[in-house]
Amino acid sequence: MRIFYICRRVPFPPDRGDKIAAFNEIRPPCCAARGARVLPRRWGCRTLANISGLQAYAKSVTASPVDEFTIKRRALGALFTPQALSVAALNETKLHDAIQEKFAELRPDLIIVYSCNMAQFAEHFRDVPRIMHFGDLDSLKWRQYAETIQHAIELDLRARGTAASRL
């Protein structure tokens, strides 16, 4: 079985949350058939050494380096669009192109995507079954963030109202 595994970081070594989960999803199918192709969006040149460690578990690894400045620039540009900041930040043309090339060459039987922000790289392959791992879904975090923002907005509006009443 030919599997494409699309993830945000090179999941090796498995030494932090998302890398541990992604690695444990890659390892079983690869040990059985070594059929997975791992396509991470790499976090810069320092992770280059991690690719060789992952190759023991996958048939191939294709990564696309992106610097932090580019990520921040993309997110900033998305502030003025309806696109989610994280999706815009991770929208790497080189990885889109690499995945398209690998897809045309290998025609995978299954695509597994780790993180909703990476779904953009698999959404146009409608003929292939796709599995989405919502590893970054943390509803408690978002609820806490909403409460914090709500209080900050309330304080800001009160301050503006007080300032306006003095005029």
N, C-alpha and C. Protein backbone atom coordinates (compact mmCIF):
# COMPACT_ATOMS: atom_id res chain seq x y z
N MET A 1 0.85 -1.17 0.00
CA MET A 1 0.00 0.00 0.00
C MET A 1 0.90 1.24 0.00
N ARG A 2 0.60 2.17 -0.87
CA ARG A 2 1.35 3.42 -0.96
C ARG A 2 0.62 4.49 -0.14
N ILE A 3 1.30 5.01 0.87
CA ILE A 3 0.71 5.99 1.78
C ILE A 3 1.52 7.29 1.71
N PHE A 4 0.81 8.39 1.56
CA PHE A 4 1.43 9.72 1.73
C PHE A 4 1.08 10.18 3.13
N TYR A 5 2.07 10.61 3.87
CA TYR A 5 1.85 11.15 5.21
C TYR A 5 2.32 12.60 5.18
N ILE A 6 1.39 13.52 5.29
CA ILE A 6 1.71 14.95 5.20
C ILE A 6 1.64 15.55 6.60
N CYS A 7 2.75 16.15 7.03
CA CYS A 7 2.80 16.71 8.37
C CYS A 7 3.60 18.01 8.38
N ARG A 8 3.50 18.72 9.48
CA ARG A 8 4.11 20.04 9.60
C ARG A 8 5.61 19.98 9.86
N ARG A 9 6.01 19.09 10.72
CA ARG A 9 7.43 18.98 11.10
C ARG A 9 7.95 17.60 10.73
N VAL A 10 9.25 17.49 10.55
CA VAL A 10 9.87 16.18 10.36
C VAL A 10 9.69 15.43 11.68
N PRO A 11 8.93 14.33 11.70
CA PRO A 11 8.60 13.67 12.97
C PRO A 11 9.69 12.75 13.49
N PHE A 12 10.89 13.25 13.46
CA PHE A 12 12.01 12.47 13.99
C PHE A 12 13.08 13.44 14.47
N PRO A 13 13.68 13.22 15.62
CA PRO A 13 13.33 12.15 16.56
C PRO A 13 11.99 12.44 17.24
N PRO A 14 11.30 11.41 17.66
CA PRO A 14 10.01 11.61 18.32
C PRO A 14 10.21 12.11 19.76
N ASP A 15 10.47 13.40 19.91
CA ASP A 15 10.84 13.95 21.21
C ASP A 15 9.93 15.06 21.72
N ARG A 16 8.82 15.32 21.05
CA ARG A 16 7.84 16.30 21.52
C ARG A 16 6.47 15.89 21.02
N GLY A 17 5.44 16.48 21.57
CA GLY A 17 4.05 16.07 21.34
C GLY A 17 3.66 15.69 19.93
N ASP A 18 3.67 16.67 19.02
CA ASP A 18 3.21 16.39 17.66
C ASP A 18 4.14 15.43 16.92
N LYS A 19 5.44 15.49 17.20
CA LYS A 19 6.40 14.59 16.54
C LYS A 19 6.23 13.16 17.04
N ILE A 20 5.90 12.99 18.32
CA ILE A 20 5.68 11.65 18.87
C ILE A 20 4.45 11.02 18.23
N ALA A 21 3.36 11.79 18.19
CA ALA A 21 2.11 11.26 17.61
C ALA A 21 2.30 10.93 16.14
N ALA A 22 2.91 11.84 15.38
CA ALA A 22 3.12 11.61 13.95
C ALA A 22 4.03 10.40 13.72
N PHE A 23 5.10 10.31 14.48
CA PHE A 23 6.03 9.18 14.32
C PHE A 23 5.32 7.85 14.59
N ASN A 24 4.50 7.82 15.62
CA ASN A 24 3.80 6.58 15.97
C ASN A 24 2.73 6.21 14.94
N GLU A 25 2.27 7.17 14.16
CA GLU A 25 1.36 6.86 13.06
C GLU A 25 2.14 6.35 11.85
N ILE A 26 3.32 6.85 11.64
CA ILE A 26 4.13 6.46 10.48
C ILE A 26 4.74 5.09 10.68
N ARG A 27 5.24 4.83 11.86
CA ARG A 27 6.02 3.61 12.11
C ARG A 27 5.29 2.31 11.80
N PRO A 28 4.07 2.06 12.28
CA PRO A 28 3.44 0.76 12.01
C PRO A 28 3.26 0.43 10.52
N PRO A 29 2.67 1.33 9.70
CA PRO A 29 2.53 0.96 8.29
C PRO A 29 3.89 0.78 7.60
N CYS A 30 4.86 1.56 8.00
CA CYS A 30 6.16 1.47 7.36
C CYS A 30 6.87 0.18 7.73
N CYS A 31 6.72 -0.24 8.97
CA CYS A 31 7.36 -1.49 9.38
C CYS A 31 6.73 -2.67 8.66
N ALA A 32 5.43 -2.57 8.39
CA ALA A 32 4.74 -3.66 7.71
C ALA A 32 5.11 -3.72 6.24
N ALA A 33 5.14 -2.59 5.58
CA ALA A 33 5.36 -2.62 4.14
C ALA A 33 6.35 -1.58 3.64
N ARG A 34 6.81 -0.74 4.53
CA ARG A 34 7.68 0.39 4.15
C ARG A 34 7.12 1.11 2.94
N GLY A 35 5.82 1.40 3.00
CA GLY A 35 5.17 2.00 1.85
C GLY A 35 4.88 3.46 1.99
N ALA A 36 5.21 4.07 3.11
CA ALA A 36 4.84 5.47 3.32
C ALA A 36 5.85 6.41 2.72
N ARG A 37 5.34 7.49 2.20
CA ARG A 37 6.16 8.62 1.77
C ARG A 37 5.80 9.75 2.71
N VAL A 38 6.77 10.27 3.41
CA VAL A 38 6.52 11.33 4.41
C VAL A 38 6.84 12.67 3.75
N LEU A 39 5.89 13.59 3.86
CA LEU A 39 6.03 14.89 3.21
C LEU A 39 5.84 16.01 4.23
N PRO A 40 6.86 16.27 5.06
CA PRO A 40 6.73 17.33 6.06
C PRO A 40 7.07 18.69 5.49
N ARG A 41 6.49 19.71 6.09
CA ARG A 41 6.92 21.08 5.82
C ARG A 41 7.94 21.36 6.89
N ARG A 42 9.17 21.44 6.52
CA ARG A 42 10.30 21.46 7.45
C ARG A 42 10.44 22.83 8.12
N TRP A 43 10.93 22.87 9.34
CA TRP A 43 11.09 24.09 10.13
C TRP A 43 12.47 24.70 10.01
N GLY A 44 13.11 24.61 8.89
CA GLY A 44 14.42 25.22 8.72
C GLY A 44 15.51 24.18 8.58
N CYS A 45 16.69 24.64 8.30
CA CYS A 45 17.82 23.77 7.94
C CYS A 45 18.30 22.90 9.10
N ARG A 46 18.08 23.30 10.34
CA ARG A 46 18.60 22.49 11.45
C ARG A 46 17.91 21.13 11.54
N THR A 47 16.75 20.97 10.92
CA THR A 47 16.07 19.68 10.96
C THR A 47 16.50 18.75 9.83
N LEU A 48 17.40 19.20 8.99
CA LEU A 48 17.88 18.38 7.88
C LEU A 48 18.42 17.03 8.36
N ALA A 49 19.14 17.03 9.46
CA ALA A 49 19.71 15.78 10.00
C ALA A 49 18.61 14.81 10.44
N ASN A 50 17.46 15.32 10.84
CA ASN A 50 16.36 14.46 11.29
C ASN A 50 15.76 13.64 10.15
N ILE A 51 15.90 14.13 8.93
CA ILE A 51 15.35 13.42 7.78
C ILE A 51 16.01 12.06 7.62
N SER A 52 17.32 12.00 7.78
CA SER A 52 18.01 10.72 7.61
C SER A 52 17.55 9.69 8.65
N GLY A 53 17.26 10.12 9.87
CA GLY A 53 16.75 9.20 10.89
C GLY A 53 15.37 8.67 10.54
N LEU A 54 14.57 9.48 9.92
CA LEU A 54 13.21 9.08 9.55
C LEU A 54 13.20 8.12 8.36
N GLN A 55 14.22 8.18 7.54
CA GLN A 55 14.26 7.34 6.35
C GLN A 55 14.30 5.84 6.66
N ALA A 56 14.67 5.49 7.88
CA ALA A 56 14.63 4.07 8.27
C ALA A 56 13.19 3.58 8.41
N TYR A 57 12.23 4.49 8.49
CA TYR A 57 10.84 4.13 8.72
C TYR A 57 9.94 4.44 7.52
N ALA A 58 10.47 5.07 6.50
CA ALA A 58 9.65 5.47 5.36
C ALA A 58 10.40 5.18 4.07
N LYS A 59 9.65 4.99 3.02
CA LYS A 59 10.26 4.73 1.72
C LYS A 59 10.94 5.98 1.18
N SER A 60 10.36 7.13 1.47
CA SER A 60 10.99 8.39 1.08
C SER A 60 10.50 9.51 1.99
N VAL A 61 11.30 10.55 2.08
CA VAL A 61 10.94 11.75 2.85
C VAL A 61 11.22 12.94 1.95
N THR A 62 10.21 13.77 1.78
CA THR A 62 10.34 14.98 0.99
C THR A 62 10.01 16.14 1.91
N ALA A 63 10.94 17.05 2.09
CA ALA A 63 10.73 18.18 3.00
C ALA A 63 10.96 19.49 2.26
N SER A 64 10.32 20.52 2.75
CA SER A 64 10.44 21.84 2.14
C SER A 64 10.82 22.85 3.22
N PRO A 65 12.04 23.39 3.16
CA PRO A 65 12.47 24.34 4.20
C PRO A 65 11.76 25.68 4.07
N VAL A 66 11.39 26.23 5.21
CA VAL A 66 10.77 27.55 5.26
C VAL A 66 11.34 28.28 6.47
N ASP A 67 11.77 29.53 6.26
CA ASP A 67 12.32 30.30 7.38
C ASP A 67 11.20 30.99 8.15
N GLU A 68 11.50 31.32 9.39
CA GLU A 68 10.50 31.93 10.29
C GLU A 68 9.99 33.27 9.77
N PHE A 69 10.84 34.05 9.13
CA PHE A 69 10.41 35.35 8.60
C PHE A 69 9.30 35.16 7.56
N THR A 70 9.48 34.19 6.68
CA THR A 70 8.47 33.92 5.64
C THR A 70 7.16 33.50 6.27
N ILE A 71 7.22 32.66 7.27
CA ILE A 71 6.01 32.20 7.96
C ILE A 71 5.27 33.39 8.57
N LYS A 72 6.00 34.26 9.24
CA LYS A 72 5.37 35.43 9.87
C LYS A 72 4.83 36.41 8.84
N ARG A 73 5.55 36.58 7.73
CA ARG A 73 5.09 37.48 6.67
C ARG A 73 3.78 36.98 6.07
N ARG A 74 3.69 35.70 5.83
CA ARG A 74 2.45 35.11 5.28
C ARG A 74 1.28 35.29 6.24
N ALA A 75 1.53 35.02 7.52
CA ALA A 75 0.47 35.17 8.53
C ALA A 75 0.00 36.62 8.60
N LEU A 76 0.94 37.54 8.57
CA LEU A 76 0.59 38.97 8.61
C LEU A 76 -0.26 39.36 7.41
N GLY A 77 0.11 38.87 6.24
CA GLY A 77 -0.66 39.15 5.04
C GLY A 77 -2.07 38.60 5.10
N ALA A 78 -2.25 37.50 5.82
CA ALA A 78 -3.57 36.87 5.92
C ALA A 78 -4.51 37.63 6.86
N LEU A 79 -3.98 38.56 7.64
CA LEU A 79 -4.83 39.35 8.53
C LEU A 79 -5.91 40.09 7.75
N PHE A 80 -5.65 40.37 6.49
CA PHE A 80 -6.57 41.16 5.68
C PHE A 80 -7.37 40.30 4.71
N THR A 81 -7.41 39.00 4.98
CA THR A 81 -8.16 38.06 4.15
C THR A 81 -9.00 37.16 5.05
N PRO A 82 -9.93 36.42 4.47
CA PRO A 82 -10.70 35.47 5.29
C PRO A 82 -9.94 34.18 5.61
N GLN A 83 -8.73 34.02 5.07
CA GLN A 83 -7.96 32.79 5.29
C GLN A 83 -7.43 32.73 6.72
N ALA A 84 -7.42 31.54 7.29
CA ALA A 84 -6.87 31.34 8.63
C ALA A 84 -5.37 31.66 8.62
N LEU A 85 -4.89 32.32 9.66
CA LEU A 85 -3.49 32.73 9.72
C LEU A 85 -2.55 31.54 9.62
N SER A 86 -2.86 30.46 10.34
CA SER A 86 -1.96 29.31 10.34
C SER A 86 -1.93 28.61 8.98
N VAL A 87 -3.05 28.59 8.28
CA VAL A 87 -3.08 27.99 6.94
C VAL A 87 -2.23 28.83 5.99
N ALA A 88 -2.39 30.15 6.05
CA ALA A 88 -1.60 31.04 5.20
C ALA A 88 -0.11 30.93 5.53
N ALA A 89 0.20 30.87 6.80
CA ALA A 89 1.61 30.81 7.22
C ALA A 89 2.30 29.56 6.69
N LEU A 90 1.58 28.45 6.61
CA LEU A 90 2.18 27.18 6.20
C LEU A 90 1.99 26.89 4.70
N ASN A 91 1.43 27.80 3.97
CA ASN A 91 1.14 27.60 2.55
C ASN A 91 2.42 27.72 1.72
N GLU A 92 3.17 26.64 1.66
CA GLU A 92 4.48 26.62 0.99
C GLU A 92 4.34 26.06 -0.42
N THR A 93 4.58 26.90 -1.42
CA THR A 93 4.45 26.51 -2.82
C THR A 93 5.36 25.33 -3.16
N LYS A 94 6.58 25.32 -2.65
CA LYS A 94 7.51 24.23 -2.96
C LYS A 94 6.97 22.89 -2.49
N LEU A 95 6.30 22.87 -1.33
CA LEU A 95 5.75 21.61 -0.85
C LEU A 95 4.52 21.22 -1.66
N HIS A 96 3.68 22.20 -2.02
CA HIS A 96 2.54 21.90 -2.91
C HIS A 96 3.05 21.24 -4.19
N ASP A 97 4.08 21.83 -4.78
CA ASP A 97 4.64 21.31 -6.03
C ASP A 97 5.24 19.91 -5.84
N ALA A 98 5.97 19.72 -4.75
CA ALA A 98 6.60 18.41 -4.48
C ALA A 98 5.54 17.33 -4.29
N ILE A 99 4.47 17.66 -3.60
CA ILE A 99 3.39 16.69 -3.38
C ILE A 99 2.70 16.36 -4.69
N GLN A 100 2.46 17.38 -5.52
CA GLN A 100 1.84 17.15 -6.83
C GLN A 100 2.72 16.21 -7.68
N GLU A 101 4.03 16.46 -7.67
CA GLU A 101 4.97 15.62 -8.42
C GLU A 101 4.95 14.18 -7.94
N LYS A 102 5.05 14.01 -6.61
CA LYS A 102 5.06 12.66 -6.02
C LYS A 102 3.73 11.95 -6.30
N PHE A 103 2.65 12.71 -6.24
CA PHE A 103 1.34 12.13 -6.49
C PHE A 103 1.25 11.61 -7.93
N ALA A 104 1.68 12.41 -8.88
CA ALA A 104 1.65 12.00 -10.29
C ALA A 104 2.54 10.78 -10.53
N GLU A 105 3.66 10.73 -9.83
CA GLU A 105 4.62 9.64 -10.00
C GLU A 105 4.16 8.35 -9.33
N LEU A 106 3.59 8.45 -8.13
CA LEU A 106 3.35 7.25 -7.30
C LEU A 106 1.90 6.86 -7.11
N ARG A 107 0.97 7.79 -7.34
CA ARG A 107 -0.46 7.53 -7.13
C ARG A 107 -0.72 6.78 -5.83
N PRO A 108 -0.69 7.47 -4.69
CA PRO A 108 -0.87 6.79 -3.39
C PRO A 108 -2.26 6.19 -3.25
N ASP A 109 -2.34 5.17 -2.40
CA ASP A 109 -3.61 4.52 -2.10
C ASP A 109 -4.33 5.22 -0.94
N LEU A 110 -3.57 5.97 -0.14
CA LEU A 110 -4.11 6.64 1.04
C LEU A 110 -3.26 7.85 1.35
N ILE A 111 -3.90 8.92 1.80
CA ILE A 111 -3.19 10.12 2.26
C ILE A 111 -3.60 10.37 3.70
N ILE A 112 -2.62 10.46 4.58
CA ILE A 112 -2.86 10.80 5.99
C ILE A 112 -2.29 12.19 6.21
N VAL A 113 -3.11 13.05 6.80
CA VAL A 113 -2.69 14.43 7.04
C VAL A 113 -2.71 14.67 8.54
N TYR A 114 -1.57 15.10 9.08
CA TYR A 114 -1.50 15.43 10.50
C TYR A 114 -1.61 16.94 10.64
N SER A 115 -2.68 17.40 11.25
CA SER A 115 -2.95 18.81 11.55
C SER A 115 -3.82 19.44 10.46
N CYS A 116 -4.85 20.09 10.92
CA CYS A 116 -5.78 20.73 9.98
C CYS A 116 -5.10 21.79 9.13
N ASN A 117 -4.03 22.38 9.60
CA ASN A 117 -3.32 23.40 8.83
C ASN A 117 -2.63 22.82 7.61
N MET A 118 -2.41 21.52 7.61
CA MET A 118 -1.74 20.86 6.49
C MET A 118 -2.74 20.26 5.50
N ALA A 119 -4.03 20.35 5.79
CA ALA A 119 -5.06 19.79 4.90
C ALA A 119 -5.01 20.42 3.51
N GLN A 120 -4.56 21.66 3.42
CA GLN A 120 -4.48 22.35 2.14
C GLN A 120 -3.62 21.59 1.12
N PHE A 121 -2.72 20.75 1.60
CA PHE A 121 -1.83 20.01 0.70
C PHE A 121 -2.47 18.73 0.16
N ALA A 122 -3.62 18.34 0.70
CA ALA A 122 -4.28 17.10 0.27
C ALA A 122 -5.69 17.31 -0.24
N GLU A 123 -6.23 18.50 -0.11
CA GLU A 123 -7.65 18.69 -0.41
C GLU A 123 -8.01 18.50 -1.88
N HIS A 124 -7.08 18.65 -2.79
CA HIS A 124 -7.42 18.51 -4.21
C HIS A 124 -7.24 17.10 -4.75
N PHE A 125 -6.88 16.13 -3.90
CA PHE A 125 -6.76 14.74 -4.32
C PHE A 125 -8.03 13.99 -3.92
N ARG A 126 -9.13 14.32 -4.54
CA ARG A 126 -10.43 13.80 -4.14
C ARG A 126 -10.63 12.31 -4.45
N ASP A 127 -9.84 11.77 -5.37
CA ASP A 127 -10.00 10.36 -5.75
C ASP A 127 -9.32 9.39 -4.79
N VAL A 128 -8.54 9.92 -3.86
CA VAL A 128 -7.78 9.09 -2.94
C VAL A 128 -8.37 9.24 -1.53
N PRO A 129 -8.58 8.14 -0.82
CA PRO A 129 -9.05 8.26 0.56
C PRO A 129 -8.05 9.08 1.39
N ARG A 130 -8.60 9.97 2.23
CA ARG A 130 -7.77 10.83 3.07
C ARG A 130 -8.22 10.70 4.52
N ILE A 131 -7.24 10.66 5.40
CA ILE A 131 -7.51 10.63 6.84
C ILE A 131 -6.90 11.89 7.44
N MET A 132 -7.68 12.59 8.24
CA MET A 132 -7.20 13.80 8.90
C MET A 132 -7.01 13.52 10.38
N HIS A 133 -5.82 13.79 10.88
CA HIS A 133 -5.54 13.67 12.30
C HIS A 133 -5.57 15.09 12.88
N PHE A 134 -6.57 15.37 13.70
CA PHE A 134 -6.69 16.68 14.32
C PHE A 134 -5.85 16.72 15.59
N GLY A 135 -4.56 16.59 15.43
CA GLY A 135 -3.64 16.55 16.57
C GLY A 135 -3.54 17.87 17.29
N ASP A 136 -3.89 18.95 16.62
CA ASP A 136 -3.74 20.26 17.24
C ASP A 136 -5.08 20.82 17.73
N LEU A 137 -6.07 19.97 17.84
CA LEU A 137 -7.37 20.40 18.31
C LEU A 137 -7.36 20.45 19.84
N ASP A 138 -7.44 21.62 20.39
CA ASP A 138 -7.37 21.81 21.84
C ASP A 138 -8.46 22.80 22.23
N SER A 139 -9.67 22.29 22.42
CA SER A 139 -10.81 23.17 22.68
C SER A 139 -10.65 23.96 23.98
N LEU A 140 -10.02 23.37 24.99
CA LEU A 140 -9.82 24.10 26.24
C LEU A 140 -8.93 25.32 26.02
N LYS A 141 -7.87 25.15 25.23
CA LYS A 141 -6.97 26.27 24.93
C LYS A 141 -7.76 27.41 24.27
N TRP A 142 -8.62 27.06 23.29
CA TRP A 142 -9.36 28.10 22.58
C TRP A 142 -10.41 28.77 23.48
N ARG A 143 -11.02 27.99 24.37
CA ARG A 143 -11.97 28.59 25.31
C ARG A 143 -11.27 29.58 26.24
N GLN A 144 -10.10 29.18 26.75
CA GLN A 144 -9.34 30.08 27.62
C GLN A 144 -8.91 31.34 26.87
N TYR A 145 -8.50 31.18 25.64
CA TYR A 145 -8.10 32.31 24.81
C TYR A 145 -9.30 33.25 24.60
N ALA A 146 -10.47 32.68 24.32
CA ALA A 146 -11.67 33.50 24.09
C ALA A 146 -12.02 34.30 25.34
N GLU A 147 -11.92 33.66 26.50
CA GLU A 147 -12.21 34.36 27.75
C GLU A 147 -11.23 35.50 27.99
N THR A 148 -9.96 35.26 27.74
CA THR A 148 -8.93 36.29 27.92
C THR A 148 -9.18 37.46 26.98
N ILE A 149 -9.45 37.16 25.73
CA ILE A 149 -9.70 38.21 24.74
C ILE A 149 -10.95 38.99 25.11
N GLN A 150 -11.98 38.27 25.54
CA GLN A 150 -13.23 38.92 25.89
C GLN A 150 -13.00 39.95 27.00
N HIS A 151 -12.23 39.56 28.01
CA HIS A 151 -11.94 40.49 29.11
C HIS A 151 -11.11 41.68 28.62
N ALA A 152 -10.16 41.41 27.75
CA ALA A 152 -9.32 42.49 27.22
C ALA A 152 -10.15 43.47 26.39
N ILE A 153 -11.06 42.95 25.59
CA ILE A 153 -11.92 43.83 24.78
C ILE A 153 -12.85 44.64 25.67
N GLU A 154 -13.38 43.98 26.70
CA GLU A 154 -14.26 44.68 27.64
C GLU A 154 -13.52 45.83 28.32
N LEU A 155 -12.30 45.57 28.78
CA LEU A 155 -11.50 46.62 29.42
C LEU A 155 -11.20 47.74 28.45
N ASP A 156 -10.89 47.39 27.21
CA ASP A 156 -10.59 48.40 26.20
C ASP A 156 -11.83 49.27 25.94
N LEU A 157 -13.00 48.65 25.80
CA LEU A 157 -14.22 49.41 25.54
C LEU A 157 -14.58 50.32 26.72
N ARG A 158 -14.39 49.82 27.94
CA ARG A 158 -14.64 50.66 29.12
C ARG A 158 -13.71 51.88 29.14
N ALA A 159 -12.43 51.63 28.82
CA ALA A 159 -11.46 52.73 28.80
C ALA A 159 -11.84 53.75 27.73
N ARG A 160 -12.26 53.30 26.57
CA ARG A 160 -12.67 54.21 25.50
C ARG A 160 -13.91 55.00 25.91
N GLY A 161 -14.85 54.31 26.57
CA GLY A 161 -16.07 54.99 27.01
C GLY A 161 -15.75 56.06 28.05
N THR A 162 -14.88 55.74 28.97
CA THR A 162 -14.47 56.72 29.99
C THR A 162 -13.78 57.92 29.34
N ALA A 163 -12.89 57.64 28.40
CA ALA A 163 -12.17 58.72 27.71
C ALA A 163 -13.14 59.58 26.90
N ALA A 164 -14.10 58.95 26.25
CA ALA A 164 -15.07 59.71 25.44
C ALA A 164 -15.97 60.57 26.31
N SER A 165 -16.30 60.10 27.50
CA SER A 165 -17.19 60.88 28.37
C SER A 165 -16.51 62.12 28.92
N ARG A 166 -15.20 62.15 28.90
CA ARG A 166 -14.45 63.31 29.38
C ARG A 166 -14.38 64.42 28.35
N LEU A 167 -14.68 64.11 27.10
CA LEU A 167 -14.56 65.11 26.05
C LEU A 167 -15.64 66.16 26.10
